[in-house]
Structure formats: C-alpha cells, structure tokens
Amino acid sequence: MNVPHIRIEIDDIGKVPAVYIDGKLIKSLVRVHVDWNTADQDGVKLNSYNIEALGDNSTQQGYGQQAYSKL
C-alpha cells in the first residue's frame, strides 16, 4: 500500500490539523502553510508547502517544497 508523502487532516478550522509525513504523525506543529493554484492564462503556476514543528529538545524542524511550472 502506498502511503502519501504528506497528508493533512483538518476536522475543525479552529483546532490543530493532523499532519503526517511518510505515514508518521508530526507532533508539536508550529505552522502549516499550503499554497496551491491552477495555472493562469499563460499556463504558469507556483505551488508550495511549508510545515514547521518542534522536534527533540525543542529544536525547530521544517519540511517544504516549491514547484514552478509552465504548461
């Protein structure tokens, strides 16, 4: 069974979402930002995500990716 690289579950917009990376629940979330767009009239789109959490010893961990494409 394939596990999605990133899965974000939002049950209530006022509560912390559940974020899984490679099937592992990320605890102590600080920030989750997803920006996804359809292509504009020129076929250009820019999509990105940024996830920040506190790791061991309260060190900040970050996961992110940005993709630019022109169709």
C-alpha atoms as a PDB file:
ATOM      1  CA  MET A   1       0.000   0.000   0.000  1.00  0.00           C
ATOM      2  CA  ASN A   2       1.332   3.428  -0.948  1.00  0.00           C
ATOM      3  CA  VAL A   3       1.499   5.980   1.836  1.00  0.00           C
ATOM      4  CA  PRO A   4       1.139   9.623   0.746  1.00  0.00           C
ATOM      5  CA  HIS A   5       4.289  11.665   1.325  1.00  0.00           C
ATOM      6  CA  ILE A   6       2.218  14.357   3.080  1.00  0.00           C
ATOM      7  CA  ARG A   7      -1.306  14.085   4.438  1.00  0.00           C
ATOM      8  CA  ILE A   8      -3.082  16.949   6.202  1.00  0.00           C
ATOM      9  CA  GLU A   9      -6.373  16.358   8.023  1.00  0.00           C
ATOM     10  CA  ILE A  10      -8.492  19.322   9.100  1.00  0.00           C
ATOM     11  CA  ASP A  11     -11.562  18.411  11.123  1.00  0.00           C
ATOM     12  CA  ASP A  12     -12.136  21.829  12.695  1.00  0.00           C
ATOM     13  CA  ILE A  13     -10.550  25.043  11.380  1.00  0.00           C
ATOM     14  CA  GLY A  14     -10.157  26.251  14.990  1.00  0.00           C
ATOM     15  CA  LYS A  15      -8.049  23.242  16.031  1.00  0.00           C
ATOM     16  CA  VAL A  16      -4.571  21.976  15.166  1.00  0.00           C
ATOM     17  CA  PRO A  17      -4.621  19.851  11.991  1.00  0.00           C
ATOM     18  CA  ALA A  18      -3.162  16.348  11.940  1.00  0.00           C
ATOM     19  CA  VAL A  19      -0.128  16.306   9.637  1.00  0.00           C
ATOM     20  CA  TYR A  20       1.533  13.068   8.546  1.00  0.00           C
ATOM     21  CA  ILE A  21       4.825  12.884   6.650  1.00  0.00           C
ATOM     22  CA  ASP A  22       5.568   9.454   5.176  1.00  0.00           C
ATOM     23  CA  GLY A  23       2.877   7.992   7.453  1.00  0.00           C
ATOM     24  CA  LYS A  24       4.349   9.449  10.671  1.00  0.00           C
ATOM     25  CA  LEU A  25       2.252  11.908  12.709  1.00  0.00           C
ATOM     26  CA  ILE A  26       4.122  15.181  13.197  1.00  0.00           C
ATOM     27  CA  LYS A  27       3.714  16.447  16.754  1.00  0.00           C
ATOM     28  CA  SER A  28       4.194  19.941  18.163  1.00  0.00           C
ATOM     29  CA  LEU A  29       3.170  21.772  14.987  1.00  0.00           C
ATOM     30  CA  VAL A  30       4.137  25.421  14.780  1.00  0.00           C
ATOM     31  CA  ARG A  31       2.972  26.302  11.260  1.00  0.00           C
ATOM     32  CA  VAL A  32       1.320  24.665   8.254  1.00  0.00           C
ATOM     33  CA  HIS A  33       1.124  26.612   5.005  1.00  0.00           C
ATOM     34  CA  VAL A  34      -0.103  25.219   1.685  1.00  0.00           C
ATOM     35  CA  ASP A  35      -0.388  27.365  -1.431  1.00  0.00           C
ATOM     36  CA  TRP A  36      -1.811  25.567  -4.467  1.00  0.00           C
ATOM     37  CA  ASN A  37      -3.008  27.282  -7.648  1.00  0.00           C
ATOM     38  CA  THR A  38      -4.370  26.313 -11.029  1.00  0.00           C
ATOM     39  CA  ALA A  39      -2.403  27.624 -13.994  1.00  0.00           C
ATOM     40  CA  ASP A  40      -3.021  31.210 -15.088  1.00  0.00           C
ATOM     41  CA  GLN A  41      -3.917  32.247 -18.655  1.00  0.00           C
ATOM     42  CA  ASP A  42      -0.257  31.808 -19.681  1.00  0.00           C
ATOM     43  CA  GLY A  43      -0.075  28.285 -18.213  1.00  0.00           C
ATOM     44  CA  VAL A  44       2.124  29.359 -15.278  1.00  0.00           C
ATOM     45  CA  LYS A  45       1.571  28.126 -11.746  1.00  0.00           C
ATOM     46  CA  LEU A  46       3.510  28.185  -8.490  1.00  0.00           C
ATOM     47  CA  ASN A  47       2.650  25.727  -5.727  1.00  0.00           C
ATOM     48  CA  SER A  48       4.317  25.300  -2.344  1.00  0.00           C
ATOM     49  CA  TYR A  49       4.013  23.915   1.145  1.00  0.00           C
ATOM     50  CA  ASN A  50       5.855  24.661   4.370  1.00  0.00           C
ATOM     51  CA  ILE A  51       5.415  22.693   7.589  1.00  0.00           C
ATOM     52  CA  GLU A  52       7.214  23.648  10.803  1.00  0.00           C
ATOM     53  CA  ALA A  53       7.254  21.713  14.067  1.00  0.00           C
ATOM     54  CA  LEU A  54       9.230  21.464  17.282  1.00  0.00           C
ATOM     55  CA  GLY A  55      11.425  18.384  17.417  1.00  0.00           C
ATOM     56  CA  ASP A  56      13.580  16.846  20.123  1.00  0.00           C
ATOM     57  CA  ASN A  57      14.973  19.330  22.649  1.00  0.00           C
ATOM     58  CA  SER A  58      12.577  21.969  21.246  1.00  0.00           C
ATOM     59  CA  THR A  59      14.625  22.335  18.058  1.00  0.00           C
ATOM     60  CA  GLN A  60      12.632  23.596  15.112  1.00  0.00           C
ATOM     61  CA  GLN A  61      12.199  21.240  12.154  1.00  0.00           C
ATOM     62  CA  GLY A  62      10.977  22.255   8.757  1.00  0.00           C
ATOM     63  CA  TYR A  63       9.618  20.464   5.708  1.00  0.00           C
ATOM     64  CA  GLY A  64       8.822  22.216   2.469  1.00  0.00           C
ATOM     65  CA  GLN A  65       8.799  22.237  -1.275  1.00  0.00           C
ATOM     66  CA  GLN A  66       8.102  24.748  -4.020  1.00  0.00           C
ATOM     67  CA  ALA A  67       7.284  23.960  -7.635  1.00  0.00           C
ATOM     68  CA  TYR A  68       7.043  26.352 -10.568  1.00  0.00           C
ATOM     69  CA  SER A  69       5.687  25.079 -13.829  1.00  0.00           C
ATOM     70  CA  LYS A  70       4.585  26.393 -17.183  1.00  0.00           C
ATOM     71  CA  LEU A  71       2.188  24.212 -19.109  1.00  0.00           C
END
